[in-house]
Each structure stands twice: as C-alpha cells, then as structure tokens.
Amino acid sequence: MEIIGHRDYQQRHYGRGIPVSGRGGDVAVAMCIIAIMRDITSSIIDKNRSPEDKKIITKMDWYLLALWVGLLTIATALTATGFATLFAYFATLTFTISIWQKNGFIYRLLGIFVGVFWIIYNIVVESFMGMTLESALLLFVIIGFASYIKSNKKLNCQS
C-alpha cells in the first residue's frame, strides 16, 4: 500500500487550474505585485499632475516606465521556470507600455496582445479559470477596439 503525501494528493486532485509554485505561478504573482505598485504610484502621480501634463509624456513618465520595466524584468529573471512562463511577463510588460503612452488606438491594440499573452500563460499553467476569465476579457477588448475604430471613422467622416 502506497502512502500519498498531502501535497501529492493536492497536486493530483486540486492542482489543475491553480497556478502553483513550480508550474509558473511565481511569475504571475511577481507580476501582480509589481502591477499593484505601478497602479498605486500612477494613480497618486496622475492626481497631482497639471491638466497640460496629462496629455503629454513627461520625463517622470520615462523614469517610471524604466523603473517598472526594470522591476518586471528582474522579477521575471528570478521567478521564471521556462520560456512558456514568460508570457506573464510579456502580458504585464505590454500592458505597462500600453497604459504609459497616450494614443488611444495603440492602447486598445496592445490590449489585444495582453489578452492573448495571458491566455497562453493560463494554458501553460493549466488554469481553467484564468483561461475563461482572460478569454472573456479579450472578447470585450476586441469589442472595445472595434467600437473605438468605428467611432473614430465617424469623427473623421464628419470633419
């Protein structure tokens, strides 16, 4: 009779769909922690910006982009377990760049890539809930992108 350890039992019965350590979950956790710091910092800075600075990319924006890209890269280097787990990095990096720049078209276009990268990552770590959530989000991003293009065509036709 073989005795199954608690961790082995969990891996066999509950591990599917949950990104656990050793299957690439560490990368996603690191990306989420850095993304939270990025979002809090951006929120504080945006509240204190002058209206003119909200429409342009300032030196502070460049410094912050370099900081976040550096932190994302270092965290990924320390936590990645293989090429496939790098898709969490690609997704977070792409989203960081998309929210940094000021062009609405590029922001929405990069959102499609973010969704695709997260779906690939969730397939790799066998996260059914992640695949489901990101698929739904990707659908809405595509709808938003199409709506943005359609509304801009109407604006261009009227002028």
Protein backbone atom coordinates (compact mmCIF):
# COMPACT_ATOMS: atom_id res chain seq x y z
CA MET A 1 0.00 0.00 0.00
CA GLU A 2 1.40 3.36 -1.04
CA ILE A 3 1.02 6.32 1.25
CA ILE A 4 0.32 9.54 -0.63
CA GLY A 5 1.63 12.73 0.92
CA HIS A 6 -0.81 15.61 1.39
CA ARG A 7 1.00 17.75 -1.20
CA ASP A 8 0.94 14.93 -3.75
CA TYR A 9 -2.79 14.45 -3.14
CA GLN A 10 -3.43 18.16 -3.59
CA GLN A 11 -1.38 18.28 -6.78
CA ARG A 12 -3.21 15.28 -8.20
CA HIS A 13 -6.74 16.37 -7.23
CA TYR A 14 -6.70 20.13 -6.87
CA GLY A 15 -3.56 21.30 -8.67
CA ARG A 16 -5.16 21.59 -12.10
CA GLY A 17 -6.41 25.09 -12.67
CA ILE A 18 -4.38 26.62 -9.87
CA PRO A 19 -1.04 28.14 -10.87
CA VAL A 20 1.19 26.69 -8.17
CA SER A 21 4.84 27.18 -7.46
CA GLY A 22 6.98 25.15 -9.83
CA ARG A 23 4.46 25.44 -12.66
CA GLY A 24 4.99 29.12 -13.39
CA GLY A 25 2.75 30.62 -10.75
CA ASP A 26 5.62 32.54 -9.16
CA VAL A 27 6.00 34.71 -12.27
CA ALA A 28 2.33 35.72 -12.22
CA VAL A 29 2.44 36.55 -8.51
CA ALA A 30 5.54 38.71 -9.04
CA MET A 31 3.89 40.47 -12.00
CA CYS A 32 0.73 41.15 -9.97
CA ILE A 33 2.66 42.59 -7.02
CA ILE A 34 4.63 44.93 -9.29
CA ALA A 35 1.46 45.86 -11.21
CA ILE A 36 -0.24 46.83 -7.93
CA MET A 37 2.71 49.07 -7.03
CA ARG A 38 2.68 50.54 -10.56
CA ASP A 39 -1.03 51.30 -10.42
CA ILE A 40 -0.90 52.91 -6.97
CA THR A 41 2.09 55.05 -7.99
CA SER A 42 0.44 56.09 -11.27
CA SER A 43 -2.78 56.97 -9.50
CA ILE A 44 -1.02 59.22 -6.99
CA ILE A 45 1.07 60.93 -9.69
CA ASP A 46 -1.92 61.44 -12.03
CA LYS A 47 -3.93 63.11 -9.26
CA ASN A 48 -1.16 65.66 -8.77
CA ARG A 49 -0.49 66.42 -12.45
CA SER A 50 -1.41 69.64 -14.11
CA PRO A 51 -4.02 69.33 -16.89
CA GLU A 52 -1.35 70.09 -19.53
CA ASP A 53 0.91 67.28 -18.29
CA LYS A 54 -1.88 64.70 -18.52
CA LYS A 55 -1.84 64.97 -22.32
CA ILE A 56 1.91 64.59 -22.85
CA ILE A 57 4.65 62.15 -21.89
CA THR A 58 6.90 63.82 -19.32
CA LYS A 59 10.38 62.97 -18.05
CA MET A 60 8.75 61.47 -14.95
CA ASP A 61 6.76 59.12 -17.24
CA TRP A 62 10.00 57.95 -18.88
CA TYR A 63 11.66 57.37 -15.50
CA LEU A 64 8.68 55.42 -14.20
CA LEU A 65 8.47 53.32 -17.35
CA ALA A 66 12.15 52.44 -16.99
CA LEU A 67 11.61 51.61 -13.30
CA TRP A 68 8.64 49.31 -13.96
CA VAL A 69 10.26 47.58 -16.94
CA GLY A 70 13.40 47.04 -14.85
CA LEU A 71 11.46 45.64 -11.89
CA LEU A 72 9.36 43.38 -14.13
CA THR A 73 12.49 42.07 -15.85
CA ILE A 74 14.35 41.41 -12.59
CA ALA A 75 11.34 39.70 -11.01
CA THR A 76 10.89 37.52 -14.08
CA ALA A 77 14.57 36.58 -14.15
CA LEU A 78 14.26 35.45 -10.53
CA THR A 79 10.97 33.55 -10.86
CA ALA A 80 10.59 32.21 -14.41
CA THR A 81 10.74 28.44 -14.75
CA GLY A 82 10.78 28.21 -18.54
CA PHE A 83 10.01 30.04 -21.75
CA ALA A 84 6.27 29.44 -21.54
CA THR A 85 6.04 31.15 -18.14
CA LEU A 86 7.48 34.29 -19.72
CA PHE A 87 4.05 35.01 -21.19
CA ALA A 88 3.01 36.51 -17.83
CA TYR A 89 5.97 38.86 -18.21
CA PHE A 90 5.07 39.67 -21.83
CA ALA A 91 1.47 40.42 -20.81
CA THR A 92 2.39 42.67 -17.89
CA LEU A 93 5.13 44.43 -19.85
CA THR A 94 2.81 45.05 -22.80
CA PHE A 95 0.09 46.39 -20.51
CA THR A 96 2.58 48.66 -18.73
CA ILE A 97 3.65 50.13 -22.07
CA SER A 98 0.06 50.47 -23.27
CA ILE A 99 -1.07 52.50 -20.24
CA TRP A 100 2.10 54.59 -20.33
CA GLN A 101 1.61 56.06 -23.78
CA LYS A 102 -1.18 58.50 -24.75
CA ASN A 103 -2.51 57.11 -28.06
CA GLY A 104 -5.96 55.51 -27.67
CA PHE A 105 -5.58 53.32 -30.76
CA ILE A 106 -2.26 51.85 -29.58
CA TYR A 107 -3.64 51.38 -26.05
CA ARG A 108 -6.55 49.32 -27.35
CA LEU A 109 -4.45 47.40 -29.88
CA LEU A 110 -1.90 46.40 -27.24
CA GLY A 111 -4.80 45.27 -25.03
CA ILE A 112 -5.47 42.51 -27.55
CA PHE A 113 -1.88 41.28 -27.23
CA VAL A 114 -2.12 41.43 -23.43
CA GLY A 115 -5.19 39.17 -23.52
CA VAL A 116 -3.54 36.69 -25.89
CA PHE A 117 -0.39 36.53 -23.74
CA TRP A 118 -2.42 35.88 -20.57
CA ILE A 119 -4.45 33.16 -22.31
CA ILE A 120 -1.25 31.42 -23.44
CA TYR A 121 0.18 31.70 -19.93
CA ASN A 122 -3.00 30.26 -18.36
CA ILE A 123 -2.93 27.37 -20.82
CA VAL A 124 0.67 26.65 -19.80
CA VAL A 125 -0.12 26.64 -16.07
CA GLU A 126 -3.37 24.76 -16.75
CA SER A 127 -5.57 27.40 -15.14
CA PHE A 128 -9.09 26.84 -16.44
CA MET A 129 -10.45 29.88 -14.56
CA GLY A 130 -7.61 32.02 -15.92
CA MET A 131 -8.33 30.86 -19.47
CA THR A 132 -12.04 31.55 -19.01
CA LEU A 133 -11.55 35.00 -17.48
CA GLU A 134 -8.93 36.13 -19.97
CA SER A 135 -10.99 34.84 -22.90
CA ALA A 136 -13.96 36.91 -21.74
CA LEU A 137 -11.74 39.95 -21.17
CA LEU A 138 -10.17 39.51 -24.61
CA LEU A 139 -13.63 39.42 -26.17
CA PHE A 140 -14.51 42.74 -24.52
CA VAL A 141 -11.16 44.26 -25.51
CA ILE A 142 -11.80 43.30 -29.14
CA ILE A 143 -15.33 44.75 -28.97
CA GLY A 144 -13.91 47.96 -27.45
CA PHE A 145 -11.22 48.14 -30.13
CA ALA A 146 -13.79 47.73 -32.91
CA SER A 147 -16.03 50.34 -31.28
CA TYR A 148 -13.10 52.76 -31.00
CA ILE A 149 -12.24 52.34 -34.69
CA LYS A 150 -15.88 52.76 -35.69
CA SER A 151 -16.33 55.92 -33.62
CA ASN A 152 -13.11 57.42 -35.00
CA LYS A 153 -14.24 56.73 -38.56
CA LYS A 154 -17.45 58.64 -37.85
CA LEU A 155 -15.45 61.56 -36.40
CA ASN A 156 -13.10 61.60 -39.41
CA CYS A 157 -16.00 61.50 -41.86
CA GLN A 158 -17.72 64.45 -40.16
CA SER A 159 -14.69 66.71 -40.25
